[in-house]
Amino acid sequence: MFNRTLLSLAEKDSRIYMVLADIGYGEIEGFASAFPTRYYNVGVAEQNMTGVACGIAMEGNIAITYSIANFPTLRCLEQIRNDVCYHKANVKIVIIGGGLAYGALGVSHHSTEDIAIMRALPTWSS
């Protein structure tokens, strides 16, 4: 559902970009093929994903990051705080598999504190 909705929105708004960290296969191909110049896969480098998304947003665009819950939040906390929040960058962090959904893959894939941590980050009204 998310990917179909994103694709539909991106068809209407050329400012929408997607930035991934080597995940989402079987889900994101529609966006990647429809908008190859607005799609970036930075590889297994989540902090870079957030930095690239922030740069895209700072140019007046809307950047979407997408990954398993703990990777775009907990691994990228400093980049979200210092790059995205403090610069009021229009970055949307989309997660899949929150909580223990990826439990079989071990604690590195668990995400039980991401919402609490994200709520503690600074936000400002424009």
PDB file of N, CA and C in Angstrom:
ATOM      1  N   MET A   1       0.819  -1.192   0.000  1.00  0.00           N
ATOM      2  CA  MET A   1       0.000   0.000   0.000  1.00  0.00           C
ATOM      3  C   MET A   1       0.868   1.264   0.000  1.00  0.00           C
ATOM      4  N   PHE A   2       1.887   1.320   0.871  1.00  0.00           N
ATOM      5  CA  PHE A   2       2.762   2.490   0.934  1.00  0.00           C
ATOM      6  C   PHE A   2       3.387   2.775  -0.425  1.00  0.00           C
ATOM      7  N   ASN A   3       3.940   1.756  -1.048  1.00  0.00           N
ATOM      8  CA  ASN A   3       4.655   1.965  -2.308  1.00  0.00           C
ATOM      9  C   ASN A   3       3.723   2.424  -3.422  1.00  0.00           C
ATOM     10  N   ARG A   4       2.520   1.907  -3.469  1.00  0.00           N
ATOM     11  CA  ARG A   4       1.547   2.367  -4.474  1.00  0.00           C
ATOM     12  C   ARG A   4       1.170   3.816  -4.231  1.00  0.00           C
ATOM     13  N   THR A   5       0.958   4.163  -2.965  1.00  0.00           N
ATOM     14  CA  THR A   5       0.603   5.538  -2.623  1.00  0.00           C
ATOM     15  C   THR A   5       1.746   6.493  -2.949  1.00  0.00           C
ATOM     16  N   LEU A   6       2.973   6.106  -2.604  1.00  0.00           N
ATOM     17  CA  LEU A   6       4.128   6.943  -2.908  1.00  0.00           C
ATOM     18  C   LEU A   6       4.273   7.150  -4.412  1.00  0.00           C
ATOM     19  N   LEU A   7       4.104   6.104  -5.163  1.00  0.00           N
ATOM     20  CA  LEU A   7       4.196   6.189  -6.623  1.00  0.00           C
ATOM     21  C   LEU A   7       3.143   7.153  -7.164  1.00  0.00           C
ATOM     22  N   SER A   8       1.937   7.048  -6.662  1.00  0.00           N
ATOM     23  CA  SER A   8       0.857   7.938  -7.096  1.00  0.00           C
ATOM     24  C   SER A   8       1.166   9.392  -6.746  1.00  0.00           C
ATOM     25  N   LEU A   9       1.660   9.633  -5.555  1.00  0.00           N
ATOM     26  CA  LEU A   9       2.008  10.995  -5.154  1.00  0.00           C
ATOM     27  C   LEU A   9       3.166  11.544  -5.984  1.00  0.00           C
ATOM     28  N   ALA A  10       4.161  10.705  -6.244  1.00  0.00           N
ATOM     29  CA  ALA A  10       5.331  11.131  -7.013  1.00  0.00           C
ATOM     30  C   ALA A  10       4.978  11.454  -8.460  1.00  0.00           C
ATOM     31  N   GLU A  11       3.950  10.815  -8.985  1.00  0.00           N
ATOM     32  CA  GLU A  11       3.495  11.131 -10.339  1.00  0.00           C
ATOM     33  C   GLU A  11       2.967  12.559 -10.410  1.00  0.00           C
ATOM     34  N   LYS A  12       2.432  13.052  -9.300  1.00  0.00           N
ATOM     35  CA  LYS A  12       1.846  14.386  -9.254  1.00  0.00           C
ATOM     36  C   LYS A  12       2.811  15.447  -8.734  1.00  0.00           C
ATOM     37  N   ASP A  13       3.891  15.021  -8.071  1.00  0.00           N
ATOM     38  CA  ASP A  13       4.804  15.971  -7.434  1.00  0.00           C
ATOM     39  C   ASP A  13       6.249  15.570  -7.723  1.00  0.00           C
ATOM     40  N   SER A  14       6.879  16.312  -8.591  1.00  0.00           N
ATOM     41  CA  SER A  14       8.247  15.976  -9.013  1.00  0.00           C
ATOM     42  C   SER A  14       9.290  16.254  -7.934  1.00  0.00           C
ATOM     43  N   ARG A  15       8.873  16.774  -6.800  1.00  0.00           N
ATOM     44  CA  ARG A  15       9.813  17.025  -5.701  1.00  0.00           C
ATOM     45  C   ARG A  15      10.037  15.784  -4.835  1.00  0.00           C
ATOM     46  N   ILE A  16       9.279  14.719  -5.068  1.00  0.00           N
ATOM     47  CA  ILE A  16       9.380  13.524  -4.219  1.00  0.00           C
ATOM     48  C   ILE A  16      10.490  12.605  -4.712  1.00  0.00           C
ATOM     49  N   TYR A  17      11.410  12.302  -3.798  1.00  0.00           N
ATOM     50  CA  TYR A  17      12.542  11.410  -4.052  1.00  0.00           C
ATOM     51  C   TYR A  17      12.501  10.264  -3.050  1.00  0.00           C
ATOM     52  N   MET A  18      13.067   9.128  -3.427  1.00  0.00           N
ATOM     53  CA  MET A  18      13.184   7.988  -2.520  1.00  0.00           C
ATOM     54  C   MET A  18      14.653   7.628  -2.369  1.00  0.00           C
ATOM     55  N   VAL A  19      15.072   7.449  -1.110  1.00  0.00           N
ATOM     56  CA  VAL A  19      16.454   7.084  -0.810  1.00  0.00           C
ATOM     57  C   VAL A  19      16.420   5.835   0.072  1.00  0.00           C
ATOM     58  N   LEU A  20      17.078   4.790  -0.397  1.00  0.00           N
ATOM     59  CA  LEU A  20      17.092   3.512   0.330  1.00  0.00           C
ATOM     60  C   LEU A  20      18.505   3.108   0.702  1.00  0.00           C
ATOM     61  N   ALA A  21      18.581   2.202   1.662  1.00  0.00           N
ATOM     62  CA  ALA A  21      19.860   1.623   2.064  1.00  0.00           C
ATOM     63  C   ALA A  21      19.824   0.120   1.777  1.00  0.00           C
ATOM     64  N   ASP A  22      19.738  -0.206   0.492  1.00  0.00           N
ATOM     65  CA  ASP A  22      19.815  -1.588   0.014  1.00  0.00           C
ATOM     66  C   ASP A  22      18.738  -2.495   0.590  1.00  0.00           C
ATOM     67  N   ILE A  23      17.490  -2.047   0.524  1.00  0.00           N
ATOM     68  CA  ILE A  23      16.357  -2.839   1.007  1.00  0.00           C
ATOM     69  C   ILE A  23      15.132  -2.501   0.175  1.00  0.00           C
ATOM     70  N   GLY A  24      14.112  -3.330   0.269  1.00  0.00           N
ATOM     71  CA  GLY A  24      12.838  -3.030  -0.362  1.00  0.00           C
ATOM     72  C   GLY A  24      12.607  -3.717  -1.686  1.00  0.00           C
ATOM     73  N   TYR A  25      13.501  -4.624  -2.048  1.00  0.00           N
ATOM     74  CA  TYR A  25      13.341  -5.302  -3.334  1.00  0.00           C
ATOM     75  C   TYR A  25      12.041  -6.081  -3.358  1.00  0.00           C
ATOM     76  N   GLY A  26      11.367  -6.002  -4.494  1.00  0.00           N
ATOM     77  CA  GLY A  26      10.042  -6.583  -4.616  1.00  0.00           C
ATOM     78  C   GLY A  26       8.957  -5.575  -4.271  1.00  0.00           C
ATOM     79  N   GLU A  27       9.359  -4.428  -3.770  1.00  0.00           N
ATOM     80  CA  GLU A  27       8.411  -3.385  -3.369  1.00  0.00           C
ATOM     81  C   GLU A  27       8.650  -2.062  -4.080  1.00  0.00           C
ATOM     82  N   ILE A  28       9.889  -1.699  -4.310  1.00  0.00           N
ATOM     83  CA  ILE A  28      10.216  -0.342  -4.755  1.00  0.00           C
ATOM     84  C   ILE A  28      10.527  -0.243  -6.240  1.00  0.00           C
ATOM     85  N   GLU A  29      10.494  -1.353  -6.939  1.00  0.00           N
ATOM     86  CA  GLU A  29      10.857  -1.320  -8.349  1.00  0.00           C
ATOM     87  C   GLU A  29       9.985  -0.381  -9.173  1.00  0.00           C
ATOM     88  N   GLY A  30       8.720  -0.257  -8.798  1.00  0.00           N
ATOM     89  CA  GLY A  30       7.826   0.651  -9.519  1.00  0.00           C
ATOM     90  C   GLY A  30       8.317   2.083  -9.458  1.00  0.00           C
ATOM     91  N   PHE A  31       8.702   2.530  -8.282  1.00  0.00           N
ATOM     92  CA  PHE A  31       9.216   3.891  -8.126  1.00  0.00           C
ATOM     93  C   PHE A  31      10.548   4.031  -8.850  1.00  0.00           C
ATOM     94  N   ALA A  32      11.429   3.064  -8.653  1.00  0.00           N
ATOM     95  CA  ALA A  32      12.768   3.130  -9.256  1.00  0.00           C
ATOM     96  C   ALA A  32      12.704   3.195 -10.773  1.00  0.00           C
ATOM     97  N   SER A  33      11.807   2.425 -11.376  1.00  0.00           N
ATOM     98  CA  SER A  33      11.740   2.443 -12.840  1.00  0.00           C
ATOM     99  C   SER A  33      10.960   3.649 -13.361  1.00  0.00           C
ATOM    100  N   ALA A  34       9.961   4.116 -12.620  1.00  0.00           N
ATOM    101  CA  ALA A  34       9.190   5.284 -13.060  1.00  0.00           C
ATOM    102  C   ALA A  34       9.974   6.579 -12.891  1.00  0.00           C
ATOM    103  N   PHE A  35      10.816   6.644 -11.866  1.00  0.00           N
ATOM    104  CA  PHE A  35      11.539   7.881 -11.550  1.00  0.00           C
ATOM    105  C   PHE A  35      13.008   7.586 -11.275  1.00  0.00           C
ATOM    106  N   PRO A  36      13.744   7.109 -12.251  1.00  0.00           N
ATOM    107  CA  PRO A  36      15.139   6.728 -11.995  1.00  0.00           C
ATOM    108  C   PRO A  36      16.021   7.886 -11.538  1.00  0.00           C
ATOM    109  N   THR A  37      15.673   9.114 -11.887  1.00  0.00           N
ATOM    110  CA  THR A  37      16.487  10.252 -11.451  1.00  0.00           C
ATOM    111  C   THR A  37      16.074  10.759 -10.072  1.00  0.00           C
ATOM    112  N   ARG A  38      15.023  10.173  -9.508  1.00  0.00           N
ATOM    113  CA  ARG A  38      14.565  10.553  -8.168  1.00  0.00           C
ATOM    114  C   ARG A  38      14.655   9.377  -7.202  1.00  0.00           C
ATOM    115  N   TYR A  39      15.451   8.388  -7.540  1.00  0.00           N
ATOM    116  CA  TYR A  39      15.613   7.185  -6.724  1.00  0.00           C
ATOM    117  C   TYR A  39      17.092   6.936  -6.495  1.00  0.00           C
ATOM    118  N   TYR A  40      17.470   6.766  -5.234  1.00  0.00           N
ATOM    119  CA  TYR A  40      18.864   6.485  -4.890  1.00  0.00           C
ATOM    120  C   TYR A  40      18.923   5.304  -3.931  1.00  0.00           C
ATOM    121  N   ASN A  41      19.778   4.345  -4.237  1.00  0.00           N
ATOM    122  CA  ASN A  41      20.083   3.259  -3.321  1.00  0.00           C
ATOM    123  C   ASN A  41      21.533   3.468  -2.913  1.00  0.00           C
ATOM    124  N   VAL A  42      21.754   3.848  -1.660  1.00  0.00           N
ATOM    125  CA  VAL A  42      23.099   4.182  -1.201  1.00  0.00           C
ATOM    126  C   VAL A  42      23.866   2.964  -0.687  1.00  0.00           C
ATOM    127  N   GLY A  43      23.268   1.779  -0.801  1.00  0.00           N
ATOM    128  CA  GLY A  43      23.913   0.585  -0.277  1.00  0.00           C
ATOM    129  C   GLY A  43      23.688   0.479   1.219  1.00  0.00           C
ATOM    130  N   VAL A  44      24.385  -0.447   1.841  1.00  0.00           N
ATOM    131  CA  VAL A  44      24.219  -0.656   3.284  1.00  0.00           C
ATOM    132  C   VAL A  44      24.974   0.463   4.005  1.00  0.00           C
ATOM    133  N   ALA A  45      24.349   1.626   4.031  1.00  0.00           N
ATOM    134  CA  ALA A  45      24.968   2.836   4.602  1.00  0.00           C
ATOM    135  C   ALA A  45      23.853   3.766   5.050  1.00  0.00           C
ATOM    136  N   GLU A  46      23.194   3.386   6.129  1.00  0.00           N
ATOM    137  CA  GLU A  46      22.005   4.106   6.563  1.00  0.00           C
ATOM    138  C   GLU A  46      22.277   5.567   6.914  1.00  0.00           C
ATOM    139  N   GLN A  47      23.402   5.842   7.568  1.00  0.00           N
ATOM    140  CA  GLN A  47      23.702   7.234   7.898  1.00  0.00           C
ATOM    141  C   GLN A  47      23.862   8.060   6.624  1.00  0.00           C
ATOM    142  N   ASN A  48      24.495   7.486   5.619  1.00  0.00           N
ATOM    143  CA  ASN A  48      24.612   8.175   4.327  1.00  0.00           C
ATOM    144  C   ASN A  48      23.237   8.378   3.702  1.00  0.00           C
ATOM    145  N   MET A  49      22.354   7.396   3.852  1.00  0.00           N
ATOM    146  CA  MET A  49      20.996   7.516   3.332  1.00  0.00           C
ATOM    147  C   MET A  49      20.341   8.776   3.890  1.00  0.00           C
ATOM    148  N   THR A  50      20.473   8.994   5.180  1.00  0.00           N
ATOM    149  CA  THR A  50      19.865  10.158   5.810  1.00  0.00           C
ATOM    150  C   THR A  50      20.546  11.440   5.357  1.00  0.00           C
ATOM    151  N   GLY A  51      21.858  11.418   5.232  1.00  0.00           N
ATOM    152  CA  GLY A  51      22.573  12.599   4.747  1.00  0.00           C
ATOM    153  C   GLY A  51      22.198  12.961   3.329  1.00  0.00           C
ATOM    154  N   VAL A  52      22.108  11.967   2.461  1.00  0.00           N
ATOM    155  CA  VAL A  52      21.700  12.205   1.074  1.00  0.00           C
ATOM    156  C   VAL A  52      20.273  12.746   1.044  1.00  0.00           C
ATOM    157  N   ALA A  53      19.384  12.139   1.843  1.00  0.00           N
ATOM    158  CA  ALA A  53      17.994  12.608   1.894  1.00  0.00           C
ATOM    159  C   ALA A  53      17.929  14.057   2.361  1.00  0.00           C
ATOM    160  N   CYS A  54      18.739  14.398   3.344  1.00  0.00           N
ATOM    161  CA  CYS A  54      18.756  15.778   3.833  1.00  0.00           C
ATOM    162  C   CYS A  54      19.218  16.732   2.738  1.00  0.00           C
ATOM    163  N   GLY A  55      20.260  16.361   2.001  1.00  0.00           N
ATOM    164  CA  GLY A  55      20.738  17.195   0.903  1.00  0.00           C
ATOM    165  C   GLY A  55      19.677  17.396  -0.162  1.00  0.00           C
ATOM    166  N   ILE A  56      18.964  16.332  -0.489  1.00  0.00           N
ATOM    167  CA  ILE A  56      17.874  16.416  -1.463  1.00  0.00           C
ATOM    168  C   ILE A  56      16.795  17.377  -0.950  1.00  0.00           C
ATOM    169  N   ALA A  57      16.443  17.239   0.325  1.00  0.00           N
ATOM    170  CA  ALA A  57      15.408  18.091   0.908  1.00  0.00           C
ATOM    171  C   ALA A  57      15.853  19.548   0.982  1.00  0.00           C
ATOM    172  N   MET A  58      17.121  19.780   1.254  1.00  0.00           N
ATOM    173  CA  MET A  58      17.624  21.151   1.353  1.00  0.00           C
ATOM    174  C   MET A  58      17.586  21.876   0.012  1.00  0.00           C
ATOM    175  N   GLU A  59      17.405  21.134  -1.059  1.00  0.00           N
ATOM    176  CA  GLU A  59      17.265  21.730  -2.384  1.00  0.00           C
ATOM    177  C   GLU A  59      15.799  22.002  -2.725  1.00  0.00           C
ATOM    178  N   GLY A  60      14.907  21.884  -1.736  1.00  0.00           N
ATOM    179  CA  GLY A  60      13.499  22.181  -1.940  1.00  0.00           C
ATOM    180  C   GLY A  60      12.648  20.977  -2.288  1.00  0.00           C
ATOM    181  N   ASN A  61      13.185  19.793  -2.104  1.00  0.00           N
ATOM    182  CA  ASN A  61      12.461  18.569  -2.435  1.00  0.00           C
ATOM    183  C   ASN A  61      11.939  17.879  -1.190  1.00  0.00           C
ATOM    184  N   ILE A  62      11.232  16.794  -1.404  1.00  0.00           N
ATOM    185  CA  ILE A  62      10.716  15.955  -0.331  1.00  0.00           C
ATOM    186  C   ILE A  62      11.433  14.617  -0.446  1.00  0.00           C
ATOM    187  N   ALA A  63      12.200  14.266   0.568  1.00  0.00           N
ATOM    188  CA  ALA A  63      12.969  13.022   0.529  1.00  0.00           C
ATOM    189  C   ALA A  63      12.332  11.985   1.441  1.00  0.00           C
ATOM    190  N   ILE A  64      12.202  10.785   0.915  1.00  0.00           N
ATOM    191  CA  ILE A  64      11.648   9.661   1.668  1.00  0.00           C
ATOM    192  C   ILE A  64      12.768   8.663   1.902  1.00  0.00           C
ATOM    193  N   THR A  65      13.022   8.307   3.174  1.00  0.00           N
ATOM    194  CA  THR A  65      13.928   7.198   3.456  1.00  0.00           C
ATOM    195  C   THR A  65      13.069   6.014   3.869  1.00  0.00           C
ATOM    196  N   TYR A  66      13.576   4.805   3.640  1.00  0.00           N
ATOM    197  CA  TYR A  66      12.755   3.607   3.831  1.00  0.00           C
ATOM    198  C   TYR A  66      13.653   2.436   4.193  1.00  0.00           C
ATOM    199  N   SER A  67      13.356   1.786   5.320  1.00  0.00           N
ATOM    200  CA  SER A  67      14.126   0.607   5.717  1.00  0.00           C
ATOM    201  C   SER A  67      13.463  -0.063   6.912  1.00  0.00           C
ATOM    202  N   ILE A  68      14.054  -1.152   7.361  1.00  0.00           N
ATOM    203  CA  ILE A  68      13.599  -1.844   8.568  1.00  0.00           C
ATOM    204  C   ILE A  68      13.762  -0.886   9.750  1.00  0.00           C
ATOM    205  N   ALA A  69      12.770  -0.828  10.604  1.00  0.00           N
ATOM    206  CA  ALA A  69      12.572   0.223  11.607  1.00  0.00           C
ATOM    207  C   ALA A  69      13.817   0.737  12.313  1.00  0.00           C
ATOM    208  N   ASN A  70      14.659  -0.104  12.804  1.00  0.00           N
ATOM    209  CA  ASN A  70      15.791   0.382  13.589  1.00  0.00           C
ATOM    210  C   ASN A  70      16.876   1.030  12.738  1.00  0.00           C
ATOM    211  N   PHE A  71      16.992   0.677  11.483  1.00  0.00           N
ATOM    212  CA  PHE A  71      18.090   1.185  10.663  1.00  0.00           C
ATOM    213  C   PHE A  71      17.924   2.660  10.282  1.00  0.00           C
ATOM    214  N   PRO A  72      16.761   3.114   9.800  1.00  0.00           N
ATOM    215  CA  PRO A  72      16.660   4.546   9.458  1.00  0.00           C
ATOM    216  C   PRO A  72      16.412   5.444  10.668  1.00  0.00           C
ATOM    217  N   THR A  73      16.221   4.852  11.840  1.00  0.00           N
ATOM    218  CA  THR A  73      15.989   5.655  13.047  1.00  0.00           C
ATOM    219  C   THR A  73      17.196   5.575  13.979  1.00  0.00           C
ATOM    220  N   LEU A  74      17.407   4.419  14.572  1.00  0.00           N
ATOM    221  CA  LEU A  74      18.454   4.297  15.595  1.00  0.00           C
ATOM    222  C   LEU A  74      19.860   4.436  15.022  1.00  0.00           C
ATOM    223  N   ARG A  75      20.143   3.817  13.895  1.00  0.00           N
ATOM    224  CA  ARG A  75      21.484   3.932  13.295  1.00  0.00           C
ATOM    225  C   ARG A  75      21.741   5.339  12.787  1.00  0.00           C
ATOM    226  N   CYS A  76      20.689   6.083  12.503  1.00  0.00           N
ATOM    227  CA  CYS A  76      20.835   7.411  11.900  1.00  0.00           C
ATOM    228  C   CYS A  76      20.486   8.538  12.863  1.00  0.00           C
ATOM    229  N   LEU A  77      20.456   8.249  14.139  1.00  0.00           N
ATOM    230  CA  LEU A  77      19.984   9.248  15.102  1.00  0.00           C
ATOM    231  C   LEU A  77      20.739  10.565  15.001  1.00  0.00           C
ATOM    232  N   GLU A  78      22.054  10.520  14.961  1.00  0.00           N
ATOM    233  CA  GLU A  78      22.832  11.766  14.898  1.00  0.00           C
ATOM    234  C   GLU A  78      22.543  12.537  13.616  1.00  0.00           C
ATOM    235  N   GLN A  79      22.428  11.836  12.484  1.00  0.00           N
ATOM    236  CA  GLN A  79      22.141  12.514  11.219  1.00  0.00           C
ATOM    237  C   GLN A  79      20.725  13.098  11.224  1.00  0.00           C
ATOM    238  N   ILE A  80      19.788  12.393  11.810  1.00  0.00           N
ATOM    239  CA  ILE A  80      18.425  12.927  11.889  1.00  0.00           C
ATOM    240  C   ILE A  80      18.414  14.183  12.752  1.00  0.00           C
ATOM    241  N   ARG A  81      19.058  14.104  13.906  1.00  0.00           N
ATOM    242  CA  ARG A  81      19.078  15.239  14.834  1.00  0.00           C
ATOM    243  C   ARG A  81      19.804  16.443  14.248  1.00  0.00           C
ATOM    244  N   ASN A  82      21.043  16.229  13.797  1.00  0.00           N
ATOM    245  CA  ASN A  82      21.881  17.354  13.376  1.00  0.00           C
ATOM    246  C   ASN A  82      21.595  17.840  11.959  1.00  0.00           C
ATOM    247  N   ASP A  83      21.281  16.929  11.065  1.00  0.00           N
ATOM    248  CA  ASP A  83      21.074  17.314   9.667  1.00  0.00           C
ATOM    249  C   ASP A  83      19.610  17.626   9.372  1.00  0.00           C
ATOM    250  N   VAL A  84      18.729  16.720   9.703  1.00  0.00           N
ATOM    251  CA  VAL A  84      17.319  16.867   9.337  1.00  0.00           C
ATOM    252  C   VAL A  84      16.592  17.827  10.273  1.00  0.00           C
ATOM    253  N   CYS A  85      16.616  17.552  11.571  1.00  0.00           N
ATOM    254  CA  CYS A  85      15.839  18.367  12.510  1.00  0.00           C
ATOM    255  C   CYS A  85      16.318  19.805  12.583  1.00  0.00           C
ATOM    256  N   TYR A  86      17.593  20.008  12.797  1.00  0.00           N
ATOM    257  CA  TYR A  86      18.089  21.365  12.984  1.00  0.00           C
ATOM    258  C   TYR A  86      17.977  22.214  11.731  1.00  0.00           C
ATOM    259  N   HIS A  87      17.940  21.583  10.581  1.00  0.00           N
ATOM    260  CA  HIS A  87      17.790  22.334   9.332  1.00  0.00           C
ATOM    261  C   HIS A  87      16.353  22.340   8.818  1.00  0.00           C
ATOM    262  N   LYS A  88      15.457  21.737   9.585  1.00  0.00           N
ATOM    263  CA  LYS A  88      14.042  21.672   9.211  1.00  0.00           C
ATOM    264  C   LYS A  88      13.876  21.083   7.810  1.00  0.00           C
ATOM    265  N   ALA A  89      14.676  20.077   7.496  1.00  0.00           N
ATOM    266  CA  ALA A  89      14.658  19.462   6.173  1.00  0.00           C
ATOM    267  C   ALA A  89      13.421  18.586   6.007  1.00  0.00           C
ATOM    268  N   ASN A  90      12.841  18.630   4.846  1.00  0.00           N
ATOM    269  CA  ASN A  90      11.615  17.888   4.555  1.00  0.00           C
ATOM    270  C   ASN A  90      11.951  16.433   4.200  1.00  0.00           C
ATOM    271  N   VAL A  91      12.325  15.682   5.240  1.00  0.00           N
ATOM    272  CA  VAL A  91      12.659  14.268   5.095  1.00  0.00           C
ATOM    273  C   VAL A  91      11.594  13.461   5.827  1.00  0.00           C
ATOM    274  N   LYS A  92      11.041  12.489   5.145  1.00  0.00           N
ATOM    275  CA  LYS A  92      10.053  11.587   5.724  1.00  0.00           C
ATOM    276  C   LYS A  92      10.739  10.244   5.943  1.00  0.00           C
ATOM    277  N   ILE A  93      10.755   9.774   7.174  1.00  0.00           N
ATOM    278  CA  ILE A  93      11.392   8.506   7.511  1.00  0.00           C
ATOM    279  C   ILE A  93      10.303   7.449   7.590  1.00  0.00           C
ATOM    280  N   VAL A  94      10.329   6.531   6.642  1.00  0.00           N
ATOM    281  CA  VAL A  94       9.323   5.476   6.578  1.00  0.00           C
ATOM    282  C   VAL A  94       9.976   4.174   7.028  1.00  0.00           C
ATOM    283  N   ILE A  95       9.309   3.502   7.959  1.00  0.00           N
ATOM    284  CA  ILE A  95       9.863   2.255   8.475  1.00  0.00           C
ATOM    285  C   ILE A  95       8.931   1.087   8.185  1.00  0.00           C
ATOM    286  N   ILE A  96       9.535  -0.086   8.146  1.00  0.00           N
ATOM    287  CA  ILE A  96       8.790  -1.340   8.085  1.00  0.00           C
ATOM    288  C   ILE A  96       9.317  -2.220   9.208  1.00  0.00           C
ATOM    289  N   GLY A  97       8.513  -3.158   9.641  1.00  0.00           N
ATOM    290  CA  GLY A  97       8.977  -4.148  10.599  1.00  0.00           C
ATOM    291  C   GLY A  97       9.316  -3.604  11.965  1.00  0.00           C
ATOM    292  N   GLY A  98       8.467  -2.776  12.529  1.00  0.00           N
ATOM    293  CA  GLY A  98       8.716  -2.261  13.870  1.00  0.00           C
ATOM    294  C   GLY A  98       8.585  -3.337  14.938  1.00  0.00           C
ATOM    295  N   GLY A  99       9.009  -2.989  16.123  1.00  0.00           N
ATOM    296  CA  GLY A  99       8.924  -3.920  17.247  1.00  0.00           C
ATOM    297  C   GLY A  99       9.822  -5.129  17.038  1.00  0.00           C
ATOM    298  N   LEU A 100       9.224  -6.304  17.142  1.00  0.00           N
ATOM    299  CA  LEU A 100       9.973  -7.548  16.984  1.00  0.00           C
ATOM    300  C   LEU A 100       9.599  -8.272  15.696  1.00  0.00           C
ATOM    301  N   ALA A 101       9.085  -7.527  14.719  1.00  0.00           N
ATOM    302  CA  ALA A 101       8.633  -8.139  13.465  1.00  0.00           C
ATOM    303  C   ALA A 101       9.738  -8.923  12.764  1.00  0.00           C
ATOM    304  N   TYR A 102      10.967  -8.470  12.890  1.00  0.00           N
ATOM    305  CA  TYR A 102      12.105  -9.174  12.299  1.00  0.00           C
ATOM    306  C   TYR A 102      12.866  -9.933  13.387  1.00  0.00           C
ATOM    307  N   GLY A 103      12.135 -10.389  14.389  1.00  0.00           N
ATOM    308  CA  GLY A 103      12.717 -11.036  15.560  1.00  0.00           C
ATOM    309  C   GLY A 103      13.656 -12.177  15.264  1.00  0.00           C
ATOM    310  N   ALA A 104      13.364 -12.946  14.246  1.00  0.00           N
ATOM    311  CA  ALA A 104      14.205 -14.100  13.922  1.00  0.00           C
ATOM    312  C   ALA A 104      15.598 -13.687  13.460  1.00  0.00           C
ATOM    313  N   LEU A 105      15.762 -12.454  13.039  1.00  0.00           N
ATOM    314  CA  LEU A 105      17.067 -11.980  12.579  1.00  0.00           C
ATOM    315  C   LEU A 105      17.943 -11.464  13.725  1.00  0.00           C
ATOM    316  N   GLY A 106      17.401 -11.455  14.920  1.00  0.00           N
ATOM    317  CA  GLY A 106      18.189 -11.080  16.086  1.00  0.00           C
ATOM    318  C   GLY A 106      17.998  -9.646  16.523  1.00  0.00           C
ATOM    319  N   VAL A 107      18.656  -9.330  17.636  1.00  0.00           N
ATOM    320  CA  VAL A 107      18.482  -8.032  18.282  1.00  0.00           C
ATOM    321  C   VAL A 107      18.875  -6.868  17.370  1.00  0.00           C
ATOM    322  N   SER A 108      19.769  -7.093  16.435  1.00  0.00           N
ATOM    323  CA  SER A 108      20.161  -6.004  15.532  1.00  0.00           C
ATOM    324  C   SER A 108      19.003  -5.532  14.664  1.00  0.00           C
ATOM    325  N   HIS A 109      17.956  -6.353  14.535  1.00  0.00           N
ATOM    326  CA  HIS A 109      16.796  -5.991  13.726  1.00  0.00           C
ATOM    327  C   HIS A 109      15.566  -5.663  14.581  1.00  0.00           C
ATOM    328  N   HIS A 110      15.696  -5.665  15.892  1.00  0.00           N
ATOM    329  CA  HIS A 110      14.572  -5.314  16.763  1.00  0.00           C
ATOM    330  C   HIS A 110      14.467  -3.797  16.856  1.00  0.00           C
ATOM    331  N   SER A 111      13.254  -3.324  17.011  1.00  0.00           N
ATOM    332  CA  SER A 111      13.042  -1.884  17.129  1.00  0.00           C
ATOM    333  C   SER A 111      11.910  -1.643  18.108  1.00  0.00           C
ATOM    334  N   THR A 112      12.260  -1.514  19.356  1.00  0.00           N
ATOM    335  CA  THR A 112      11.239  -1.301  20.390  1.00  0.00           C
ATOM    336  C   THR A 112      11.295   0.095  20.991  1.00  0.00           C
ATOM    337  N   GLU A 113      12.342   0.838  20.694  1.00  0.00           N
ATOM    338  CA  GLU A 113      12.473   2.167  21.284  1.00  0.00           C
ATOM    339  C   GLU A 113      12.502   3.292  20.263  1.00  0.00           C
ATOM    340  N   ASP A 114      12.329   2.980  18.987  1.00  0.00           N
ATOM    341  CA  ASP A 114      12.467   3.982  17.935  1.00  0.00           C
ATOM    342  C   ASP A 114      11.466   5.128  18.066  1.00  0.00           C
ATOM    343  N   ILE A 115      10.218   4.833  18.369  1.00  0.00           N
ATOM    344  CA  ILE A 115       9.217   5.891  18.464  1.00  0.00           C
ATOM    345  C   ILE A 115       9.542   6.827  19.628  1.00  0.00           C
ATOM    346  N   ALA A 116       9.910   6.274  20.764  1.00  0.00           N
ATOM    347  CA  ALA A 116      10.246   7.100  21.926  1.00  0.00           C
ATOM    348  C   ALA A 116      11.434   8.007  21.620  1.00  0.00           C
ATOM    349  N   ILE A 117      12.442   7.478  20.970  1.00  0.00           N
ATOM    350  CA  ILE A 117      13.626   8.274  20.654  1.00  0.00           C
ATOM    351  C   ILE A 117      13.299   9.360  19.633  1.00  0.00           C
ATOM    352  N   MET A 118      12.544   9.035  18.612  1.00  0.00           N
ATOM    353  CA  MET A 118      12.193  10.036  17.597  1.00  0.00           C
ATOM    354  C   MET A 118      11.359  11.163  18.208  1.00  0.00           C
ATOM    355  N   ARG A 119      10.517  10.831  19.165  1.00  0.00           N
ATOM    356  CA  ARG A 119       9.677  11.869  19.799  1.00  0.00           C
ATOM    357  C   ARG A 119      10.506  12.846  20.635  1.00  0.00           C
ATOM    358  N   ALA A 120      11.705  12.453  21.019  1.00  0.00           N
ATOM    359  CA  ALA A 120      12.556  13.316  21.837  1.00  0.00           C
ATOM    360  C   ALA A 120      13.350  14.308  20.987  1.00  0.00           C
ATOM    361  N   LEU A 121      13.335  14.152  19.687  1.00  0.00           N
ATOM    362  CA  LEU A 121      14.110  15.031  18.811  1.00  0.00           C
ATOM    363  C   LEU A 121      13.435  16.388  18.664  1.00  0.00           C
ATOM    364  N   PRO A 122      14.233  17.424  18.402  1.00  0.00           N
ATOM    365  CA  PRO A 122      13.660  18.774  18.280  1.00  0.00           C
ATOM    366  C   PRO A 122      12.834  18.932  17.004  1.00  0.00           C
ATOM    367  N   THR A 123      11.741  19.642  17.141  1.00  0.00           N
ATOM    368  CA  THR A 123      10.915  20.003  15.980  1.00  0.00           C
ATOM    369  C   THR A 123      10.561  21.481  16.108  1.00  0.00           C
ATOM    370  N   TRP A 124      10.336  22.090  14.990  1.00  0.00           N
ATOM    371  CA  TRP A 124       9.964  23.504  14.971  1.00  0.00           C
ATOM    372  C   TRP A 124       8.816  23.696  14.008  1.00  0.00           C
ATOM    373  N   SER A 125       8.005  24.662  14.297  1.00  0.00           N
ATOM    374  CA  SER A 125       6.960  25.054  13.364  1.00  0.00           C
ATOM    375  C   SER A 125       7.537  26.095  12.418  1.00  0.00           C
ATOM    376  N   SER A 126       7.100  26.057  11.197  1.00  0.00           N
ATOM    377  CA  SER A 126       7.589  27.044  10.220  1.00  0.00           C
ATOM    378  C   SER A 126       6.888  28.358  10.385  1.00  0.00           C
TER     379      SER A 126
END
